[in-house]
Amino acid sequence: MAEINGPHDGGSEPDYRFTLANERTFLAWLRTALGLLAGGVAVHQLVPDPNVLSTVLAGLCVVLAAVLAASAYPRWRQVQTAMRAGRPLPKSGMLLLLTAGILVITLTAAALVVFS
């Protein structure tokens, strides 16, 4: 069997439902990144009398959005390639990172509410 290097190389065509589910997951990562980016911009622009906490909150949102956006395509590609090759799906550290990032953002937002 030929070596599989990309999401459309070699192997066998996966069931279209799995391919479409992988694409929906990719788009969900991008929607989440856009939501975080919008939140970061909103905090930066709309919080009256900005302070260190509001700046940190906006920065955390934007940084997490960038990380998600940057990792969405590579993740889609890894999953698509694994499905094509009939291999197990790769593990993702992004789930833990996203969870931790949202927790930090939530705690920062709570501190902003309490201390402002």
C-alpha atoms as a PDB file:
ATOM      1  CA  MET A   1       0.000   0.000   0.000  1.00  0.00           C
ATOM      2  CA  ALA A   2       1.263   3.492  -0.850  1.00  0.00           C
ATOM      3  CA  GLU A   3       2.418   5.791   1.917  1.00  0.00           C
ATOM      4  CA  ILE A   4      -0.187   8.313   2.997  1.00  0.00           C
ATOM      5  CA  ASN A   5       1.219  11.801   3.492  1.00  0.00           C
ATOM      6  CA  GLY A   6      -1.826  14.000   3.126  1.00  0.00           C
ATOM      7  CA  PRO A   7      -5.558  14.087   3.741  1.00  0.00           C
ATOM      8  CA  HIS A   8      -6.345  13.072   0.136  1.00  0.00           C
ATOM      9  CA  ASP A   9      -3.418  10.708  -0.596  1.00  0.00           C
ATOM     10  CA  GLY A  10      -3.653   6.938  -0.917  1.00  0.00           C
ATOM     11  CA  GLY A  11      -5.586   4.668   1.379  1.00  0.00           C
ATOM     12  CA  SER A  12      -9.308   4.343   0.923  1.00  0.00           C
ATOM     13  CA  GLU A  13     -11.939   7.013   0.803  1.00  0.00           C
ATOM     14  CA  PRO A  14     -13.558   7.242   4.261  1.00  0.00           C
ATOM     15  CA  ASP A  15     -17.310   7.153   4.618  1.00  0.00           C
ATOM     16  CA  TYR A  16     -18.497  10.626   3.643  1.00  0.00           C
ATOM     17  CA  ARG A  17     -20.318  10.997   6.973  1.00  0.00           C
ATOM     18  CA  PHE A  18     -17.018  10.756   8.856  1.00  0.00           C
ATOM     19  CA  THR A  19     -15.357  13.188   6.462  1.00  0.00           C
ATOM     20  CA  LEU A  20     -18.202  15.665   6.944  1.00  0.00           C
ATOM     21  CA  ALA A  21     -18.121  15.187  10.730  1.00  0.00           C
ATOM     22  CA  ASN A  22     -14.385  15.944  10.676  1.00  0.00           C
ATOM     23  CA  GLU A  23     -15.100  19.081   8.652  1.00  0.00           C
ATOM     24  CA  ARG A  24     -17.834  20.175  11.094  1.00  0.00           C
ATOM     25  CA  THR A  25     -15.390  19.735  13.972  1.00  0.00           C
ATOM     26  CA  PHE A  26     -12.818  21.854  12.112  1.00  0.00           C
ATOM     27  CA  LEU A  27     -15.421  24.569  11.588  1.00  0.00           C
ATOM     28  CA  ALA A  28     -16.444  24.387  15.270  1.00  0.00           C
ATOM     29  CA  TRP A  29     -12.818  25.039  16.298  1.00  0.00           C
ATOM     30  CA  LEU A  30     -12.804  28.071  13.997  1.00  0.00           C
ATOM     31  CA  ARG A  31     -16.153  29.344  15.345  1.00  0.00           C
ATOM     32  CA  THR A  32     -14.826  29.003  18.874  1.00  0.00           C
ATOM     33  CA  ALA A  33     -11.678  30.916  17.894  1.00  0.00           C
ATOM     34  CA  LEU A  34     -13.782  33.683  16.326  1.00  0.00           C
ATOM     35  CA  GLY A  35     -15.954  33.876  19.448  1.00  0.00           C
ATOM     36  CA  LEU A  36     -12.898  34.190  21.667  1.00  0.00           C
ATOM     37  CA  LEU A  37     -11.427  36.832  19.368  1.00  0.00           C
ATOM     38  CA  ALA A  38     -14.680  38.807  19.436  1.00  0.00           C
ATOM     39  CA  GLY A  39     -14.756  38.514  23.224  1.00  0.00           C
ATOM     40  CA  GLY A  40     -11.200  39.779  23.518  1.00  0.00           C
ATOM     41  CA  VAL A  41     -11.882  42.730  21.239  1.00  0.00           C
ATOM     42  CA  ALA A  42     -15.128  43.508  23.088  1.00  0.00           C
ATOM     43  CA  VAL A  43     -13.419  43.484  26.480  1.00  0.00           C
ATOM     44  CA  HIS A  44     -10.641  45.710  25.169  1.00  0.00           C
ATOM     45  CA  GLN A  45     -13.017  48.189  23.528  1.00  0.00           C
ATOM     46  CA  LEU A  46     -16.028  48.219  25.833  1.00  0.00           C
ATOM     47  CA  VAL A  47     -14.772  47.916  29.411  1.00  0.00           C
ATOM     48  CA  PRO A  48     -14.916  51.401  30.922  1.00  0.00           C
ATOM     49  CA  ASP A  49     -11.768  52.494  32.749  1.00  0.00           C
ATOM     50  CA  PRO A  50      -9.608  49.570  31.568  1.00  0.00           C
ATOM     51  CA  ASN A  51      -7.220  48.133  34.127  1.00  0.00           C
ATOM     52  CA  VAL A  52      -4.671  45.337  34.289  1.00  0.00           C
ATOM     53  CA  LEU A  53      -7.321  42.619  34.694  1.00  0.00           C
ATOM     54  CA  SER A  54      -9.346  43.734  31.672  1.00  0.00           C
ATOM     55  CA  THR A  55      -6.182  43.919  29.576  1.00  0.00           C
ATOM     56  CA  VAL A  56      -5.145  40.430  30.727  1.00  0.00           C
ATOM     57  CA  LEU A  57      -8.642  39.098  29.996  1.00  0.00           C
ATOM     58  CA  ALA A  58      -8.642  40.563  26.484  1.00  0.00           C
ATOM     59  CA  GLY A  59      -5.137  39.209  25.859  1.00  0.00           C
ATOM     60  CA  LEU A  60      -6.026  35.714  27.077  1.00  0.00           C
ATOM     61  CA  CYS A  61      -9.035  35.606  24.771  1.00  0.00           C
ATOM     62  CA  VAL A  62      -7.018  36.719  21.758  1.00  0.00           C
ATOM     63  CA  VAL A  63      -4.107  34.352  22.472  1.00  0.00           C
ATOM     64  CA  LEU A  64      -6.386  31.347  22.950  1.00  0.00           C
ATOM     65  CA  ALA A  65      -8.235  32.292  19.748  1.00  0.00           C
ATOM     66  CA  ALA A  66      -4.934  32.368  17.855  1.00  0.00           C
ATOM     67  CA  VAL A  67      -3.856  28.987  19.236  1.00  0.00           C
ATOM     68  CA  LEU A  68      -7.184  27.417  18.280  1.00  0.00           C
ATOM     69  CA  ALA A  69      -7.168  28.913  14.805  1.00  0.00           C
ATOM     70  CA  ALA A  70      -3.575  27.804  14.218  1.00  0.00           C
ATOM     71  CA  SER A  71      -4.247  24.241  15.366  1.00  0.00           C
ATOM     72  CA  ALA A  72      -7.613  23.662  13.646  1.00  0.00           C
ATOM     73  CA  TYR A  73      -6.284  22.790  10.191  1.00  0.00           C
ATOM     74  CA  PRO A  74      -3.436  20.533  11.352  1.00  0.00           C
ATOM     75  CA  ARG A  75      -5.936  18.633  13.514  1.00  0.00           C
ATOM     76  CA  TRP A  76      -8.376  18.258  10.605  1.00  0.00           C
ATOM     77  CA  ARG A  77      -5.518  17.018   8.416  1.00  0.00           C
ATOM     78  CA  GLN A  78      -4.282  14.466  11.000  1.00  0.00           C
ATOM     79  CA  VAL A  79      -7.773  13.032  11.466  1.00  0.00           C
ATOM     80  CA  GLN A  80      -8.496  12.923   7.731  1.00  0.00           C
ATOM     81  CA  THR A  81      -5.170  11.193   7.033  1.00  0.00           C
ATOM     82  CA  ALA A  82      -5.746   8.655   9.834  1.00  0.00           C
ATOM     83  CA  MET A  83      -9.254   7.851   8.546  1.00  0.00           C
ATOM     84  CA  ARG A  84      -7.925   7.392   5.018  1.00  0.00           C
ATOM     85  CA  ALA A  85      -5.199   5.032   6.241  1.00  0.00           C
ATOM     86  CA  GLY A  86      -7.558   3.088   8.514  1.00  0.00           C
ATOM     87  CA  ARG A  87      -5.488   4.039  11.577  1.00  0.00           C
ATOM     88  CA  PRO A  88      -6.817   5.027  15.003  1.00  0.00           C
ATOM     89  CA  LEU A  89      -7.618   8.710  15.348  1.00  0.00           C
ATOM     90  CA  PRO A  90      -4.779  10.726  16.871  1.00  0.00           C
ATOM     91  CA  LYS A  91      -5.075  12.084  20.385  1.00  0.00           C
ATOM     92  CA  SER A  92      -5.439  15.825  20.796  1.00  0.00           C
ATOM     93  CA  GLY A  93      -3.895  17.978  23.489  1.00  0.00           C
ATOM     94  CA  MET A  94      -6.134  20.829  22.341  1.00  0.00           C
ATOM     95  CA  LEU A  95      -9.051  19.592  24.425  1.00  0.00           C
ATOM     96  CA  LEU A  96      -7.072  19.994  27.635  1.00  0.00           C
ATOM     97  CA  LEU A  97      -5.575  23.300  26.482  1.00  0.00           C
ATOM     98  CA  LEU A  98      -8.986  24.703  25.531  1.00  0.00           C
ATOM     99  CA  THR A  99     -10.495  23.587  28.829  1.00  0.00           C
ATOM    100  CA  ALA A 100      -7.658  25.111  30.844  1.00  0.00           C
ATOM    101  CA  GLY A 101      -7.744  28.289  28.757  1.00  0.00           C
ATOM    102  CA  ILE A 102     -11.485  28.766  29.237  1.00  0.00           C
ATOM    103  CA  LEU A 103     -11.066  28.145  32.972  1.00  0.00           C
ATOM    104  CA  VAL A 104      -8.333  30.793  33.217  1.00  0.00           C
ATOM    105  CA  ILE A 105     -10.451  33.241  31.184  1.00  0.00           C
ATOM    106  CA  THR A 106     -13.449  32.566  33.435  1.00  0.00           C
ATOM    107  CA  LEU A 107     -11.442  33.099  36.617  1.00  0.00           C
ATOM    108  CA  THR A 108      -9.951  36.306  35.190  1.00  0.00           C
ATOM    109  CA  ALA A 109     -13.421  37.561  34.253  1.00  0.00           C
ATOM    110  CA  ALA A 110     -14.675  36.713  37.765  1.00  0.00           C
ATOM    111  CA  ALA A 111     -11.759  38.645  39.299  1.00  0.00           C
ATOM    112  CA  LEU A 112     -12.558  41.584  37.010  1.00  0.00           C
ATOM    113  CA  VAL A 113     -16.168  41.582  38.228  1.00  0.00           C
ATOM    114  CA  VAL A 114     -15.228  41.266  41.904  1.00  0.00           C
ATOM    115  CA  PHE A 115     -12.387  43.798  41.944  1.00  0.00           C
ATOM    116  CA  SER A 116     -13.817  46.457  39.649  1.00  0.00           C
END
